[in-house]
Amino acid sequence: MCLLCEAKSSAWVRRRAFLVAAGSGAIAAPAVAQVDVGPSSGLRKLVPAEDLEGAATQQYAQLLADARAKGALAPPGSPQLQRLQRIAAKLVPQTAQWNDRARQWKWEVNLLGSKQINAFCMPGGKIAFYTGILDQLKLSDDEAAMIMGHEMAHALREHARSRIAKSQGTGTLLSIGAQLLGLGQLGDVAANLGTQLLTLKFSREDETDADLVGLELAARGGYNPQASVSLWEKMAQAGGGASGPSFLSTHPSGPQRIQQLQANVPKVQALYQRARG
């Protein structure tokens, strides 16, 4: 992808337009959730959110810099990127009910040129899609919204923060107890693990959580919830070969997942219809 022909002024105008659109409605009163996922893990509080979000922002910036150097970062005028930004602008206003911190996040979405079937959202609202997931799966807007909602849900439900606390917390509890003040050491752990955020594997419970929250986010944004089923059917087909897509190494697919989504589609159907107006 060529990045040399985009004027800085144009990039700023497009970026500002996306952020304004994404932020509109974010202060609306939270609506009652239609899917049942329960409260977020209390263990996440062992890792300061600010530290992890800061580490994620740094890692994201490095990822974009590397992609830009390789000519693999989509320019602001890319139709595929603009398509993702339109989807994000509809989903971001739905996020505050799941995490009040999301009101202050500097949401961002970028597109990376790669054959990988992958996408992610880092803590703090840093989203990236790979062109492979759009092109190889031939995603509709509704299906792309389901992926984006799923990844945003991981960030909103602070799954990375909980996973880090579970893996690092036990070994540092004694030293924290000795300090008696603050959580500085765990904050350092969060910063040091910033480079691992792209390969962090979530639990089956985390994945179910993200499926359902993402389903509702997308439905509230006006995207057909039935697309969640067709999406994972495509994922299952893509993973049928000897070397499945990298996305499935951290987002396993299967009949049980599809059945659970099918069972929850009716719960959010009215939200979708209301959003479509």
Protein backbone atom coordinates (compact mmCIF):
# COMPACT_ATOMS: atom_id res chain seq x y z
CA MET A 1 0.00 0.00 0.00
CA CYS A 2 1.38 3.39 -0.96
CA LEU A 3 1.38 5.97 1.82
CA LEU A 4 3.23 8.79 0.09
CA CYS A 5 0.36 10.54 -1.67
CA GLU A 6 -1.77 11.54 1.31
CA ALA A 7 -1.62 15.15 2.47
CA LYS A 8 -1.32 15.72 6.22
CA SER A 9 -4.23 18.16 6.21
CA SER A 10 -6.50 15.58 4.60
CA ALA A 11 -5.43 12.95 7.11
CA TRP A 12 -6.23 15.26 10.02
CA VAL A 13 -9.65 16.20 8.64
CA ARG A 14 -10.60 12.53 8.17
CA ARG A 15 -9.24 11.51 11.56
CA ARG A 16 -11.06 14.34 13.32
CA ALA A 17 -14.29 13.46 11.53
CA PHE A 18 -13.97 9.84 12.66
CA LEU A 19 -13.27 10.76 16.28
CA VAL A 20 -16.15 13.24 16.41
CA ALA A 21 -18.52 10.67 14.96
CA ALA A 22 -17.23 7.98 17.31
CA GLY A 23 -17.64 10.21 20.31
CA SER A 24 -21.15 11.37 19.53
CA GLY A 25 -23.71 9.85 21.84
CA ALA A 26 -21.07 8.40 24.18
CA ILE A 27 -22.52 10.26 27.15
CA ALA A 28 -26.00 8.90 26.69
CA ALA A 29 -27.56 7.11 29.64
CA PRO A 30 -26.56 3.43 29.70
CA ALA A 31 -29.19 1.02 28.44
CA VAL A 32 -30.01 -2.27 30.12
CA ALA A 33 -27.92 -5.10 28.70
CA GLN A 34 -29.86 -7.79 26.87
CA VAL A 35 -27.16 -10.48 27.03
CA ASP A 36 -26.18 -12.06 30.34
CA VAL A 37 -22.43 -12.09 30.97
CA GLY A 38 -22.23 -11.11 34.63
CA PRO A 39 -19.66 -8.72 36.17
CA SER A 40 -16.07 -8.42 34.97
CA SER A 41 -13.42 -10.33 36.89
CA GLY A 42 -12.45 -8.62 40.13
CA LEU A 43 -8.84 -9.78 39.67
CA ARG A 44 -8.35 -7.13 37.00
CA LYS A 45 -8.11 -4.53 39.77
CA LEU A 46 -4.70 -5.92 40.70
CA VAL A 47 -3.30 -4.30 37.55
CA PRO A 48 -3.73 -0.51 37.22
CA ALA A 49 -5.82 0.21 34.13
CA GLU A 50 -3.85 3.36 33.33
CA ASP A 51 -0.58 1.44 33.19
CA LEU A 52 -1.89 -1.29 30.93
CA GLU A 53 -3.64 1.16 28.62
CA GLY A 54 -0.47 3.22 28.42
CA ALA A 55 1.57 0.13 27.54
CA ALA A 56 -0.98 -0.82 24.91
CA THR A 57 -0.87 2.65 23.37
CA GLN A 58 2.91 2.43 23.07
CA GLN A 59 2.79 -1.04 21.55
CA TYR A 60 0.09 0.04 19.10
CA ALA A 61 2.12 3.06 18.01
CA GLN A 62 5.13 0.83 17.42
CA LEU A 63 3.03 -1.59 15.39
CA LEU A 64 1.76 1.25 13.20
CA ALA A 65 5.26 2.64 12.77
CA ASP A 66 6.55 -0.76 11.65
CA ALA A 67 3.64 -1.15 9.22
CA ARG A 68 4.17 2.35 7.85
CA ALA A 69 7.87 1.65 7.28
CA LYS A 70 6.92 -1.44 5.25
CA GLY A 71 4.25 0.40 3.25
CA ALA A 72 1.59 -1.78 4.87
CA LEU A 73 -0.42 0.86 6.74
CA ALA A 74 -3.59 1.84 4.91
CA PRO A 75 -3.72 5.59 4.12
CA PRO A 76 -6.69 7.69 5.26
CA GLY A 77 -8.19 7.55 1.77
CA SER A 78 -8.35 3.75 1.69
CA PRO A 79 -11.95 2.64 1.04
CA GLN A 80 -11.48 -0.39 3.28
CA LEU A 81 -10.20 1.76 6.14
CA GLN A 82 -13.05 4.24 5.69
CA ARG A 83 -15.48 1.32 5.81
CA LEU A 84 -14.02 0.19 9.15
CA GLN A 85 -14.16 3.74 10.48
CA ARG A 86 -17.85 3.99 9.60
CA ILE A 87 -18.51 0.78 11.52
CA ALA A 88 -16.48 1.96 14.51
CA ALA A 89 -18.33 5.28 14.55
CA LYS A 90 -21.57 3.37 15.11
CA LEU A 91 -20.19 0.98 17.73
CA VAL A 92 -18.13 3.32 19.91
CA PRO A 93 -21.17 5.27 21.22
CA GLN A 94 -22.52 1.96 22.57
CA THR A 95 -19.46 1.16 24.71
CA ALA A 96 -19.87 3.27 27.86
CA GLN A 97 -22.51 1.00 29.38
CA TRP A 98 -19.92 -1.80 29.47
CA ASN A 99 -17.00 0.23 30.79
CA ASP A 100 -17.22 3.82 31.97
CA ARG A 101 -13.52 4.32 31.20
CA ALA A 102 -14.38 3.97 27.51
CA ARG A 103 -15.75 7.52 27.59
CA GLN A 104 -12.17 8.81 27.87
CA TRP A 105 -10.47 6.32 25.55
CA LYS A 106 -8.99 7.75 22.37
CA TRP A 107 -10.56 5.24 20.04
CA GLU A 108 -8.64 4.52 16.88
CA VAL A 109 -8.95 2.01 14.03
CA ASN A 110 -6.29 1.18 11.46
CA LEU A 111 -5.92 -1.30 8.62
CA LEU A 112 -2.74 -3.29 8.09
CA GLY A 113 -1.83 -4.88 4.77
CA SER A 114 -1.29 -8.56 5.52
CA LYS A 115 -2.68 -11.90 4.40
CA GLN A 116 -3.27 -12.80 8.05
CA ILE A 117 -6.86 -13.45 9.06
CA ASN A 118 -6.69 -11.35 12.18
CA ALA A 119 -8.02 -8.33 14.08
CA PHE A 120 -7.70 -7.01 17.61
CA CYS A 121 -8.57 -4.20 20.01
CA MET A 122 -5.99 -3.32 22.64
CA PRO A 123 -6.82 -1.94 26.09
CA GLY A 124 -7.75 1.71 25.68
CA GLY A 125 -9.61 1.27 22.38
CA LYS A 126 -6.80 0.75 19.85
CA ILE A 127 -8.30 -1.32 17.00
CA ALA A 128 -6.56 -2.92 14.03
CA PHE A 129 -7.78 -5.12 11.21
CA TYR A 130 -5.62 -7.04 8.75
CA THR A 131 -6.64 -6.93 5.10
CA GLY A 132 -6.61 -10.74 5.05
CA ILE A 133 -9.63 -11.02 7.31
CA LEU A 134 -11.66 -8.70 5.05
CA ASP A 135 -10.51 -10.14 1.75
CA GLN A 136 -10.21 -13.86 2.40
CA LEU A 137 -13.48 -14.15 4.32
CA LYS A 138 -15.24 -11.65 2.05
CA LEU A 139 -16.87 -10.03 5.07
CA SER A 140 -20.07 -8.06 4.79
CA ASP A 141 -20.34 -4.88 6.87
CA ASP A 142 -22.51 -6.80 9.35
CA GLU A 143 -19.88 -9.53 9.74
CA ALA A 144 -17.04 -7.02 10.04
CA ALA A 145 -19.06 -5.26 12.75
CA MET A 146 -19.36 -8.55 14.65
CA ILE A 147 -15.59 -8.98 14.62
CA MET A 148 -15.04 -5.38 15.67
CA GLY A 149 -17.65 -5.67 18.43
CA HIS A 150 -16.05 -8.88 19.68
CA GLU A 151 -12.59 -7.31 19.83
CA MET A 152 -13.90 -4.13 21.45
CA ALA A 153 -15.64 -6.31 24.04
CA HIS A 154 -12.32 -7.86 25.05
CA ALA A 155 -11.05 -4.35 25.81
CA LEU A 156 -14.26 -3.17 27.48
CA ARG A 157 -14.45 -6.22 29.73
CA GLU A 158 -10.71 -5.82 30.46
CA HIS A 159 -9.86 -9.42 29.70
CA ALA A 160 -6.19 -8.64 29.11
CA ARG A 161 -6.00 -6.90 32.47
CA SER A 162 -7.57 -9.92 34.18
CA ARG A 163 -5.33 -12.42 32.38
CA ILE A 164 -2.21 -10.51 33.38
CA ALA A 165 -3.41 -10.34 36.97
CA LYS A 166 -4.06 -14.10 37.01
CA SER A 167 -0.68 -14.97 35.53
CA GLN A 168 1.44 -12.43 37.40
CA GLY A 169 -0.51 -11.66 40.56
CA THR A 170 0.35 -14.75 42.60
CA GLY A 171 4.09 -14.29 42.29
CA THR A 172 4.00 -10.67 43.43
CA LEU A 173 1.46 -10.75 46.25
CA LEU A 174 4.09 -11.06 48.98
CA SER A 175 6.10 -8.11 47.75
CA ILE A 176 2.93 -6.05 47.39
CA GLY A 177 1.96 -6.97 50.92
CA ALA A 178 5.36 -5.84 52.14
CA GLN A 179 5.06 -2.50 50.36
CA LEU A 180 1.59 -1.84 51.78
CA LEU A 181 1.24 1.11 49.45
CA GLY A 182 0.00 1.23 45.88
CA LEU A 183 0.33 -1.31 43.13
CA GLY A 184 3.45 0.08 41.50
CA GLN A 185 5.12 -3.27 40.98
CA LEU A 186 2.11 -4.71 39.19
CA GLY A 187 2.01 -1.53 37.18
CA ASP A 188 5.55 -2.30 36.02
CA VAL A 189 4.41 -5.81 35.14
CA ALA A 190 1.63 -4.37 33.00
CA ALA A 191 4.06 -2.09 31.17
CA ASN A 192 6.57 -4.89 30.63
CA LEU A 193 3.88 -7.11 29.16
CA GLY A 194 2.77 -4.50 26.66
CA THR A 195 4.64 -6.30 23.90
CA GLN A 196 2.71 -9.52 24.66
CA LEU A 197 -0.75 -8.04 24.18
CA LEU A 198 -0.94 -9.12 20.54
CA THR A 199 -0.41 -12.79 21.41
CA LEU A 200 -2.36 -12.94 24.68
CA LYS A 201 -4.70 -15.92 24.73
CA PHE A 202 -8.04 -15.51 26.42
CA SER A 203 -9.97 -18.19 28.27
CA ARG A 204 -13.08 -19.87 26.91
CA GLU A 205 -15.11 -17.77 29.34
CA ASP A 206 -13.47 -14.59 28.00
CA GLU A 207 -14.32 -15.62 24.45
CA THR A 208 -17.96 -16.29 25.32
CA ASP A 209 -18.08 -12.96 27.13
CA ALA A 210 -16.69 -11.13 24.10
CA ASP A 211 -19.01 -12.97 21.71
CA LEU A 212 -22.12 -11.87 23.57
CA VAL A 213 -21.07 -8.33 24.43
CA GLY A 214 -19.82 -7.85 20.87
CA LEU A 215 -23.10 -9.19 19.52
CA GLU A 216 -25.04 -6.60 21.51
CA LEU A 217 -22.67 -3.76 20.62
CA ALA A 218 -23.08 -4.49 16.93
CA ALA A 219 -26.86 -4.86 17.20
CA ARG A 220 -27.13 -1.52 19.01
CA GLY A 221 -25.03 -0.02 16.23
CA GLY A 222 -27.53 -1.21 13.63
CA TYR A 223 -25.78 -4.35 12.38
CA ASN A 224 -27.69 -7.57 11.80
CA PRO A 225 -27.06 -9.95 14.73
CA GLN A 226 -27.60 -12.96 12.47
CA ALA A 227 -24.25 -12.05 10.90
CA SER A 228 -22.53 -13.35 14.03
CA VAL A 229 -23.57 -16.85 13.00
CA SER A 230 -22.52 -16.53 9.36
CA LEU A 231 -19.21 -15.03 10.50
CA TRP A 232 -18.25 -17.96 12.67
CA GLU A 233 -19.41 -20.40 10.03
CA LYS A 234 -16.91 -18.73 7.71
CA MET A 235 -14.27 -18.91 10.44
CA ALA A 236 -14.91 -22.62 10.88
CA GLN A 237 -14.46 -23.19 7.15
CA ALA A 238 -11.28 -21.10 7.08
CA GLY A 239 -9.86 -23.15 9.95
CA GLY A 240 -10.45 -26.47 8.24
CA GLY A 241 -6.99 -26.72 6.69
CA ALA A 242 -3.77 -28.02 8.18
CA SER A 243 -2.72 -24.50 9.19
CA GLY A 244 -5.73 -22.46 10.20
CA PRO A 245 -5.77 -18.66 10.41
CA SER A 246 -3.86 -17.03 13.28
CA PHE A 247 -7.12 -15.49 14.47
CA LEU A 248 -8.36 -18.95 15.42
CA SER A 249 -5.34 -19.62 17.63
CA THR A 250 -6.74 -17.07 20.08
CA HIS A 251 -10.39 -17.20 18.98
CA PRO A 252 -11.27 -20.88 18.63
CA SER A 253 -14.33 -21.69 16.58
CA GLY A 254 -16.73 -24.57 16.86
CA PRO A 255 -20.37 -25.71 16.82
CA GLN A 256 -20.88 -24.81 20.48
CA ARG A 257 -19.87 -21.22 19.83
CA ILE A 258 -22.23 -20.92 16.89
CA GLN A 259 -25.09 -22.50 18.86
CA GLN A 260 -24.58 -20.05 21.71
CA LEU A 261 -24.69 -17.10 19.33
CA GLN A 262 -27.82 -18.46 17.68
CA ALA A 263 -29.46 -18.69 21.09
CA ASN A 264 -28.64 -15.05 21.85
CA VAL A 265 -29.56 -13.48 18.52
CA PRO A 266 -33.26 -13.17 19.50
CA LYS A 267 -32.27 -11.29 22.66
CA VAL A 268 -30.77 -8.43 20.66
CA GLN A 269 -33.02 -8.51 17.60
CA ALA A 270 -35.20 -5.68 18.92
CA LEU A 271 -32.11 -3.53 19.51
CA TYR A 272 -31.07 -4.04 15.90
CA GLN A 273 -34.53 -3.19 14.59
CA ARG A 274 -34.68 -0.09 16.77
CA ALA A 275 -31.26 1.05 15.54
CA ARG A 276 -32.35 0.55 11.95
CA GLY A 277 -35.35 2.73 12.78
